[in-house]
Amino acid sequence: MEGQTPDPSGAQLRSAVREGFTILLGAAAWAFDQGDRLIDRWLEQGELSRTQGRRRFDDLRRRTAEGMRNATAAMPIATREQIESLERRIDELTRQVEALRSDGAPAGGELPPARPRIS
């Protein structure tokens, strides 16, 4: 997209996807940490042997990983091509609005001020 200024809505979309992925990873890390703590507590209380604790932890890890896969599969994540297509469409619509604004809006149909572009 040579010669075009970056589109703020595309940057916002990338930022939102990145933030969602970071939250997802944080939740997984937290779940694993909680699983470790639970296993340690059971071991300290003598309720589990080390083998039983490892088995339960591995089961918890497997179920958590499956849940994460299911959650990410259900997330509607746009492809790079879809994002680029939306950015091109936004750029085109912005040019059309700016052209209408420069030609003068019809009476009673004043356009709102242009959204500033972030460089």
C-alpha atoms as a PDB file:
ATOM      1  CA  MET A   1       0.000   0.000   0.000  1.00  0.00           C
ATOM      2  CA  GLU A   2       2.697   2.351  -1.136  1.00  0.00           C
ATOM      3  CA  GLY A   3       1.965   6.060  -0.920  1.00  0.00           C
ATOM      4  CA  GLN A   4      -0.976   5.643   1.449  1.00  0.00           C
ATOM      5  CA  THR A   5      -1.084   6.764   5.032  1.00  0.00           C
ATOM      6  CA  PRO A   6      -1.777   4.055   7.615  1.00  0.00           C
ATOM      7  CA  ASP A   7      -5.450   3.550   8.356  1.00  0.00           C
ATOM      8  CA  PRO A   8      -6.281   3.975  12.047  1.00  0.00           C
ATOM      9  CA  SER A   9      -9.135   1.460  11.909  1.00  0.00           C
ATOM     10  CA  GLY A  10      -6.779  -1.233  10.573  1.00  0.00           C
ATOM     11  CA  ALA A  11      -4.334  -0.480  13.374  1.00  0.00           C
ATOM     12  CA  GLN A  12      -7.175  -0.641  15.884  1.00  0.00           C
ATOM     13  CA  LEU A  13      -8.273  -4.023  14.537  1.00  0.00           C
ATOM     14  CA  ARG A  14      -4.737  -5.416  14.732  1.00  0.00           C
ATOM     15  CA  SER A  15      -4.412  -4.028  18.252  1.00  0.00           C
ATOM     16  CA  ALA A  16      -7.714  -5.608  19.330  1.00  0.00           C
ATOM     17  CA  VAL A  17      -6.716  -9.007  17.898  1.00  0.00           C
ATOM     18  CA  ARG A  18      -3.296  -8.766  19.572  1.00  0.00           C
ATOM     19  CA  GLU A  19      -4.923  -7.798  22.887  1.00  0.00           C
ATOM     20  CA  GLY A  20      -7.416 -10.667  22.660  1.00  0.00           C
ATOM     21  CA  PHE A  21      -4.636 -13.154  21.985  1.00  0.00           C
ATOM     22  CA  THR A  22      -2.602 -11.774  24.902  1.00  0.00           C
ATOM     23  CA  ILE A  23      -5.594 -12.132  27.231  1.00  0.00           C
ATOM     24  CA  LEU A  24      -6.092 -15.702  26.017  1.00  0.00           C
ATOM     25  CA  LEU A  25      -2.448 -16.561  26.725  1.00  0.00           C
ATOM     26  CA  GLY A  26      -2.670 -14.911  30.133  1.00  0.00           C
ATOM     27  CA  ALA A  27      -5.730 -16.969  31.000  1.00  0.00           C
ATOM     28  CA  ALA A  28      -3.943 -20.171  29.989  1.00  0.00           C
ATOM     29  CA  ALA A  29      -0.885 -19.279  32.080  1.00  0.00           C
ATOM     30  CA  TRP A  30      -3.115 -18.511  35.053  1.00  0.00           C
ATOM     31  CA  ALA A  31      -4.959 -21.826  34.666  1.00  0.00           C
ATOM     32  CA  PHE A  32      -1.707 -23.792  34.561  1.00  0.00           C
ATOM     33  CA  ASP A  33      -0.434 -21.939  37.633  1.00  0.00           C
ATOM     34  CA  GLN A  34      -3.659 -22.681  39.519  1.00  0.00           C
ATOM     35  CA  GLY A  35      -3.376 -26.340  38.518  1.00  0.00           C
ATOM     36  CA  ASP A  36       0.174 -26.498  39.869  1.00  0.00           C
ATOM     37  CA  ARG A  37      -0.941 -24.933  43.149  1.00  0.00           C
ATOM     38  CA  LEU A  38      -3.847 -27.351  43.475  1.00  0.00           C
ATOM     39  CA  ILE A  39      -1.623 -30.382  42.886  1.00  0.00           C
ATOM     40  CA  ASP A  40       0.940 -29.069  45.394  1.00  0.00           C
ATOM     41  CA  ARG A  41      -1.768 -28.574  48.014  1.00  0.00           C
ATOM     42  CA  TRP A  42      -3.093 -32.096  47.485  1.00  0.00           C
ATOM     43  CA  LEU A  43       0.401 -33.528  47.755  1.00  0.00           C
ATOM     44  CA  GLU A  44       1.094 -31.592  50.967  1.00  0.00           C
ATOM     45  CA  GLN A  45      -2.139 -32.859  52.486  1.00  0.00           C
ATOM     46  CA  GLY A  46      -1.204 -36.407  51.544  1.00  0.00           C
ATOM     47  CA  GLU A  47      -4.332 -36.848  49.484  1.00  0.00           C
ATOM     48  CA  LEU A  48      -2.411 -37.856  46.356  1.00  0.00           C
ATOM     49  CA  SER A  49       0.708 -39.723  45.517  1.00  0.00           C
ATOM     50  CA  ARG A  50       3.133 -37.973  43.179  1.00  0.00           C
ATOM     51  CA  THR A  51       2.008 -40.248  40.329  1.00  0.00           C
ATOM     52  CA  GLN A  52      -1.669 -39.491  40.953  1.00  0.00           C
ATOM     53  CA  GLY A  53      -0.874 -35.773  41.163  1.00  0.00           C
ATOM     54  CA  ARG A  54       1.017 -35.856  37.875  1.00  0.00           C
ATOM     55  CA  ARG A  55      -1.836 -37.776  36.238  1.00  0.00           C
ATOM     56  CA  ARG A  56      -4.429 -35.257  37.432  1.00  0.00           C
ATOM     57  CA  PHE A  57      -2.261 -32.323  36.386  1.00  0.00           C
ATOM     58  CA  ASP A  58      -1.713 -33.817  32.920  1.00  0.00           C
ATOM     59  CA  ASP A  59      -5.474 -34.342  32.594  1.00  0.00           C
ATOM     60  CA  LEU A  60      -6.111 -30.736  33.668  1.00  0.00           C
ATOM     61  CA  ARG A  61      -3.504 -29.493  31.188  1.00  0.00           C
ATOM     62  CA  ARG A  62      -5.048 -31.555  28.366  1.00  0.00           C
ATOM     63  CA  ARG A  63      -8.560 -30.285  29.112  1.00  0.00           C
ATOM     64  CA  THR A  64      -7.305 -26.698  29.354  1.00  0.00           C
ATOM     65  CA  ALA A  65      -5.465 -27.004  26.035  1.00  0.00           C
ATOM     66  CA  GLU A  66      -8.603 -28.415  24.389  1.00  0.00           C
ATOM     67  CA  GLY A  67     -10.668 -25.584  25.823  1.00  0.00           C
ATOM     68  CA  MET A  68      -8.171 -23.043  24.497  1.00  0.00           C
ATOM     69  CA  ARG A  69      -8.257 -24.632  21.029  1.00  0.00           C
ATOM     70  CA  ASN A  70     -12.056 -24.584  21.043  1.00  0.00           C
ATOM     71  CA  ALA A  71     -12.116 -20.955  22.226  1.00  0.00           C
ATOM     72  CA  THR A  72      -9.656 -19.804  19.562  1.00  0.00           C
ATOM     73  CA  ALA A  73     -11.475 -21.791  16.855  1.00  0.00           C
ATOM     74  CA  ALA A  74     -14.707 -20.000  17.789  1.00  0.00           C
ATOM     75  CA  MET A  75     -13.072 -16.550  17.591  1.00  0.00           C
ATOM     76  CA  PRO A  76     -13.835 -14.829  14.294  1.00  0.00           C
ATOM     77  CA  ILE A  77     -10.311 -13.858  13.243  1.00  0.00           C
ATOM     78  CA  ALA A  78      -9.926 -12.071   9.935  1.00  0.00           C
ATOM     79  CA  THR A  79      -7.251 -13.114   7.463  1.00  0.00           C
ATOM     80  CA  ARG A  80      -4.563 -10.672   6.371  1.00  0.00           C
ATOM     81  CA  GLU A  81      -6.276 -10.439   2.965  1.00  0.00           C
ATOM     82  CA  GLN A  82      -9.631  -9.604   4.558  1.00  0.00           C
ATOM     83  CA  ILE A  83      -8.061  -6.873   6.682  1.00  0.00           C
ATOM     84  CA  GLU A  84      -6.236  -5.413   3.673  1.00  0.00           C
ATOM     85  CA  SER A  85      -9.475  -5.492   1.669  1.00  0.00           C
ATOM     86  CA  LEU A  86     -11.307  -3.651   4.454  1.00  0.00           C
ATOM     87  CA  GLU A  87      -8.487  -1.099   4.674  1.00  0.00           C
ATOM     88  CA  ARG A  88      -8.697  -0.488   0.915  1.00  0.00           C
ATOM     89  CA  ARG A  89     -12.492  -0.106   1.135  1.00  0.00           C
ATOM     90  CA  ILE A  90     -12.183   2.351   4.032  1.00  0.00           C
ATOM     91  CA  ASP A  91      -9.585   4.344   2.087  1.00  0.00           C
ATOM     92  CA  GLU A  92     -11.895   4.455  -0.955  1.00  0.00           C
ATOM     93  CA  LEU A  93     -14.895   5.527   1.111  1.00  0.00           C
ATOM     94  CA  THR A  94     -12.777   8.177   2.824  1.00  0.00           C
ATOM     95  CA  ARG A  95     -11.705   9.538  -0.576  1.00  0.00           C
ATOM     96  CA  GLN A  96     -15.350   9.633  -1.705  1.00  0.00           C
ATOM     97  CA  VAL A  97     -16.450  11.509   1.421  1.00  0.00           C
ATOM     98  CA  GLU A  98     -13.569  13.975   1.079  1.00  0.00           C
ATOM     99  CA  ALA A  99     -14.450  14.505  -2.597  1.00  0.00           C
ATOM    100  CA  LEU A 100     -18.073  15.209  -1.658  1.00  0.00           C
ATOM    101  CA  ARG A 101     -16.914  17.580   1.055  1.00  0.00           C
ATOM    102  CA  SER A 102     -14.641  19.494  -1.342  1.00  0.00           C
ATOM    103  CA  ASP A 103     -17.432  19.736  -3.968  1.00  0.00           C
ATOM    104  CA  GLY A 104     -19.764  21.157  -1.335  1.00  0.00           C
ATOM    105  CA  ALA A 105     -22.532  19.228   0.321  1.00  0.00           C
ATOM    106  CA  PRO A 106     -26.124  19.722  -0.818  1.00  0.00           C
ATOM    107  CA  ALA A 107     -28.245  22.069   1.274  1.00  0.00           C
ATOM    108  CA  GLY A 108     -29.242  20.514   4.571  1.00  0.00           C
ATOM    109  CA  GLY A 109     -26.939  17.550   3.962  1.00  0.00           C
ATOM    110  CA  GLU A 110     -23.796  18.797   5.645  1.00  0.00           C
ATOM    111  CA  LEU A 111     -21.155  16.135   6.176  1.00  0.00           C
ATOM    112  CA  PRO A 112     -19.440  15.704   9.534  1.00  0.00           C
ATOM    113  CA  PRO A 113     -15.789  16.777   9.793  1.00  0.00           C
ATOM    114  CA  ALA A 114     -13.254  14.278   8.468  1.00  0.00           C
ATOM    115  CA  ARG A 115     -11.707  11.899  10.973  1.00  0.00           C
ATOM    116  CA  PRO A 116      -8.010  12.775  11.388  1.00  0.00           C
ATOM    117  CA  ARG A 117      -5.598  10.176  10.032  1.00  0.00           C
ATOM    118  CA  ILE A 118      -2.962   8.806  12.342  1.00  0.00           C
ATOM    119  CA  SER A 119       0.475   8.532  10.764  1.00  0.00           C
END
